[in-house]
């Protein structure tokens, strides 16, 4: 099977809950950026009838109109379904050490209503 490189994409889909209210920043010229953390949970069985829940935290960032929309509509605990792309980067910390990060640049989101069945 041939791989068509045009079809290979950096795409992430997540569903989870916001860990805190989104932080909106506005830059000179009116450009907006929002940042928040998203928790995803996975429950799995091990042993006999034992279950464990694994929570992963993801740093999310959005720009422009989507940033303003997220800041307006989302709050701590909001459950969302979102798409974006992974971005890796680095910066020099105040202590001079190089720090590395991975975040998801959000391209779309939808608020998901929790059902009674999910809460059980």
C-alpha atoms as a PDB file:
ATOM      1  CA  UNK A   1       0.000   0.000   0.000  1.00  0.00           C
ATOM      2  CA  UNK A   2       1.439   3.368  -1.001  1.00  0.00           C
ATOM      3  CA  UNK A   3       1.426   6.225   1.463  1.00  0.00           C
ATOM      4  CA  UNK A   4       0.184   9.490   0.081  1.00  0.00           C
ATOM      5  CA  UNK A   5       2.044  12.135   2.111  1.00  0.00           C
ATOM      6  CA  UNK A   6      -0.698  14.671   1.405  1.00  0.00           C
ATOM      7  CA  UNK A   7      -3.015  12.550   3.567  1.00  0.00           C
ATOM      8  CA  UNK A   8      -0.691  12.429   6.581  1.00  0.00           C
ATOM      9  CA  UNK A   9      -1.763  15.084   9.046  1.00  0.00           C
ATOM     10  CA  UNK A  10      -0.994  16.281  12.522  1.00  0.00           C
ATOM     11  CA  UNK A  11      -4.464  15.896  14.000  1.00  0.00           C
ATOM     12  CA  UNK A  12      -5.598  15.328  17.572  1.00  0.00           C
ATOM     13  CA  UNK A  13      -9.126  14.630  18.824  1.00  0.00           C
ATOM     14  CA  UNK A  14      -9.833  14.847  22.546  1.00  0.00           C
ATOM     15  CA  UNK A  15     -12.871  14.751  24.801  1.00  0.00           C
ATOM     16  CA  UNK A  16     -12.479  15.850  28.390  1.00  0.00           C
ATOM     17  CA  UNK A  17     -13.117  18.406  31.099  1.00  0.00           C
ATOM     18  CA  UNK A  18     -11.448  21.779  31.665  1.00  0.00           C
ATOM     19  CA  UNK A  19      -9.240  21.831  34.754  1.00  0.00           C
ATOM     20  CA  UNK A  20      -9.622  25.595  35.255  1.00  0.00           C
ATOM     21  CA  UNK A  21     -11.221  28.620  33.638  1.00  0.00           C
ATOM     22  CA  UNK A  22      -9.618  29.598  30.310  1.00  0.00           C
ATOM     23  CA  UNK A  23      -7.045  32.410  30.535  1.00  0.00           C
ATOM     24  CA  UNK A  24      -7.538  34.968  27.751  1.00  0.00           C
ATOM     25  CA  UNK A  25      -4.735  37.327  26.721  1.00  0.00           C
ATOM     26  CA  UNK A  26      -5.042  40.131  24.218  1.00  0.00           C
ATOM     27  CA  UNK A  27      -1.957  41.396  22.426  1.00  0.00           C
ATOM     28  CA  UNK A  28      -1.195  44.663  20.663  1.00  0.00           C
ATOM     29  CA  UNK A  29      -3.243  44.848  17.497  1.00  0.00           C
ATOM     30  CA  UNK A  30      -6.137  42.931  19.051  1.00  0.00           C
ATOM     31  CA  UNK A  31      -4.777  39.396  18.555  1.00  0.00           C
ATOM     32  CA  UNK A  32      -6.241  37.019  21.171  1.00  0.00           C
ATOM     33  CA  UNK A  33      -4.885  33.850  22.745  1.00  0.00           C
ATOM     34  CA  UNK A  34      -6.575  31.535  25.224  1.00  0.00           C
ATOM     35  CA  UNK A  35      -4.918  28.832  27.291  1.00  0.00           C
ATOM     36  CA  UNK A  36      -6.431  26.096  29.480  1.00  0.00           C
ATOM     37  CA  UNK A  37      -5.831  22.543  30.643  1.00  0.00           C
ATOM     38  CA  UNK A  38      -7.997  19.605  29.607  1.00  0.00           C
ATOM     39  CA  UNK A  39      -8.276  16.343  31.553  1.00  0.00           C
ATOM     40  CA  UNK A  40      -9.011  13.107  29.713  1.00  0.00           C
ATOM     41  CA  UNK A  41      -9.872   9.944  31.624  1.00  0.00           C
ATOM     42  CA  UNK A  42      -9.516   6.303  30.759  1.00  0.00           C
ATOM     43  CA  UNK A  43     -10.902   3.527  32.932  1.00  0.00           C
ATOM     44  CA  UNK A  44      -9.515   0.035  32.600  1.00  0.00           C
ATOM     45  CA  UNK A  45      -9.876  -3.292  34.363  1.00  0.00           C
ATOM     46  CA  UNK A  46      -7.066  -5.238  35.954  1.00  0.00           C
ATOM     47  CA  UNK A  47      -7.056  -8.267  38.169  1.00  0.00           C
ATOM     48  CA  UNK A  48     -10.434  -9.687  39.163  1.00  0.00           C
ATOM     49  CA  UNK A  49     -13.092  -6.992  39.147  1.00  0.00           C
ATOM     50  CA  UNK A  50     -10.659  -4.191  39.925  1.00  0.00           C
ATOM     51  CA  UNK A  51     -10.699  -0.962  37.971  1.00  0.00           C
ATOM     52  CA  UNK A  52      -8.291   1.897  37.694  1.00  0.00           C
ATOM     53  CA  UNK A  53      -8.820   5.338  36.220  1.00  0.00           C
ATOM     54  CA  UNK A  54      -5.953   7.114  34.475  1.00  0.00           C
ATOM     55  CA  UNK A  55      -6.179  10.883  34.017  1.00  0.00           C
ATOM     56  CA  UNK A  56      -3.984  12.678  31.482  1.00  0.00           C
ATOM     57  CA  UNK A  57      -3.660  16.484  31.424  1.00  0.00           C
ATOM     58  CA  UNK A  58      -3.246  18.329  28.130  1.00  0.00           C
ATOM     59  CA  UNK A  59      -2.224  21.951  27.633  1.00  0.00           C
ATOM     60  CA  UNK A  60      -4.570  23.593  25.115  1.00  0.00           C
ATOM     61  CA  UNK A  61      -4.108  26.898  23.313  1.00  0.00           C
ATOM     62  CA  UNK A  62      -6.316  28.684  20.756  1.00  0.00           C
ATOM     63  CA  UNK A  63      -5.933  31.910  18.794  1.00  0.00           C
ATOM     64  CA  UNK A  64      -8.141  34.651  17.341  1.00  0.00           C
ATOM     65  CA  UNK A  65     -11.911  34.303  17.163  1.00  0.00           C
ATOM     66  CA  UNK A  66     -11.771  30.747  18.490  1.00  0.00           C
ATOM     67  CA  UNK A  67      -9.866  32.006  21.558  1.00  0.00           C
ATOM     68  CA  UNK A  68     -12.541  34.620  22.270  1.00  0.00           C
ATOM     69  CA  UNK A  69     -15.293  32.045  21.762  1.00  0.00           C
ATOM     70  CA  UNK A  70     -13.631  29.568  24.140  1.00  0.00           C
ATOM     71  CA  UNK A  71     -13.096  32.246  26.815  1.00  0.00           C
ATOM     72  CA  UNK A  72     -16.751  33.236  26.564  1.00  0.00           C
ATOM     73  CA  UNK A  73     -18.318  29.750  26.508  1.00  0.00           C
ATOM     74  CA  UNK A  74     -16.028  27.578  28.651  1.00  0.00           C
ATOM     75  CA  UNK A  75     -15.492  27.346  32.407  1.00  0.00           C
ATOM     76  CA  UNK A  76     -13.740  25.002  34.810  1.00  0.00           C
ATOM     77  CA  UNK A  77     -15.442  21.604  34.547  1.00  0.00           C
ATOM     78  CA  UNK A  78     -16.888  22.208  31.055  1.00  0.00           C
ATOM     79  CA  UNK A  79     -16.930  18.975  29.049  1.00  0.00           C
ATOM     80  CA  UNK A  80     -15.807  19.483  25.466  1.00  0.00           C
ATOM     81  CA  UNK A  81     -14.988  17.572  22.333  1.00  0.00           C
ATOM     82  CA  UNK A  82     -12.166  19.264  20.442  1.00  0.00           C
ATOM     83  CA  UNK A  83      -9.792  18.937  17.532  1.00  0.00           C
ATOM     84  CA  UNK A  84      -6.383  20.441  17.046  1.00  0.00           C
ATOM     85  CA  UNK A  85      -2.775  19.741  16.245  1.00  0.00           C
ATOM     86  CA  UNK A  86       0.235  18.900  18.401  1.00  0.00           C
ATOM     87  CA  UNK A  87       2.985  21.464  18.743  1.00  0.00           C
ATOM     88  CA  UNK A  88       6.329  20.825  20.450  1.00  0.00           C
ATOM     89  CA  UNK A  89       8.601  23.628  21.538  1.00  0.00           C
ATOM     90  CA  UNK A  90      11.219  24.786  23.993  1.00  0.00           C
ATOM     91  CA  UNK A  91      12.247  27.895  25.868  1.00  0.00           C
ATOM     92  CA  UNK A  92      14.957  28.925  28.314  1.00  0.00           C
ATOM     93  CA  UNK A  93      13.694  29.039  31.900  1.00  0.00           C
ATOM     94  CA  UNK A  94      14.535  31.803  34.365  1.00  0.00           C
ATOM     95  CA  UNK A  95      17.209  29.496  35.760  1.00  0.00           C
ATOM     96  CA  UNK A  96      18.842  29.216  32.324  1.00  0.00           C
ATOM     97  CA  UNK A  97      17.732  25.599  31.822  1.00  0.00           C
ATOM     98  CA  UNK A  98      16.080  24.613  28.563  1.00  0.00           C
ATOM     99  CA  UNK A  99      12.459  23.565  29.071  1.00  0.00           C
ATOM    100  CA  UNK A 100      10.427  21.497  26.617  1.00  0.00           C
ATOM    101  CA  UNK A 101       6.671  21.458  26.159  1.00  0.00           C
ATOM    102  CA  UNK A 102       3.953  19.864  24.094  1.00  0.00           C
ATOM    103  CA  UNK A 103       0.581  21.526  23.656  1.00  0.00           C
ATOM    104  CA  UNK A 104      -2.475  21.156  21.475  1.00  0.00           C
ATOM    105  CA  UNK A 105      -3.384  24.100  19.251  1.00  0.00           C
ATOM    106  CA  UNK A 106      -7.171  23.875  19.132  1.00  0.00           C
ATOM    107  CA  UNK A 107      -8.866  24.322  15.752  1.00  0.00           C
ATOM    108  CA  UNK A 108     -12.466  23.575  16.798  1.00  0.00           C
ATOM    109  CA  UNK A 109     -14.488  22.599  19.845  1.00  0.00           C
ATOM    110  CA  UNK A 110     -17.992  21.686  20.894  1.00  0.00           C
ATOM    111  CA  UNK A 111     -19.473  21.717  24.388  1.00  0.00           C
ATOM    112  CA  UNK A 112     -20.746  18.245  25.305  1.00  0.00           C
ATOM    113  CA  UNK A 113     -23.671  17.883  27.678  1.00  0.00           C
ATOM    114  CA  UNK A 114     -23.070  15.255  30.347  1.00  0.00           C
ATOM    115  CA  UNK A 115     -25.746  12.601  30.619  1.00  0.00           C
ATOM    116  CA  UNK A 116     -26.931  10.934  33.809  1.00  0.00           C
ATOM    117  CA  UNK A 117     -25.534   7.628  32.489  1.00  0.00           C
ATOM    118  CA  UNK A 118     -22.038   9.134  32.179  1.00  0.00           C
ATOM    119  CA  UNK A 119     -22.143  10.428  35.751  1.00  0.00           C
ATOM    120  CA  UNK A 120     -22.822   6.934  37.135  1.00  0.00           C
END
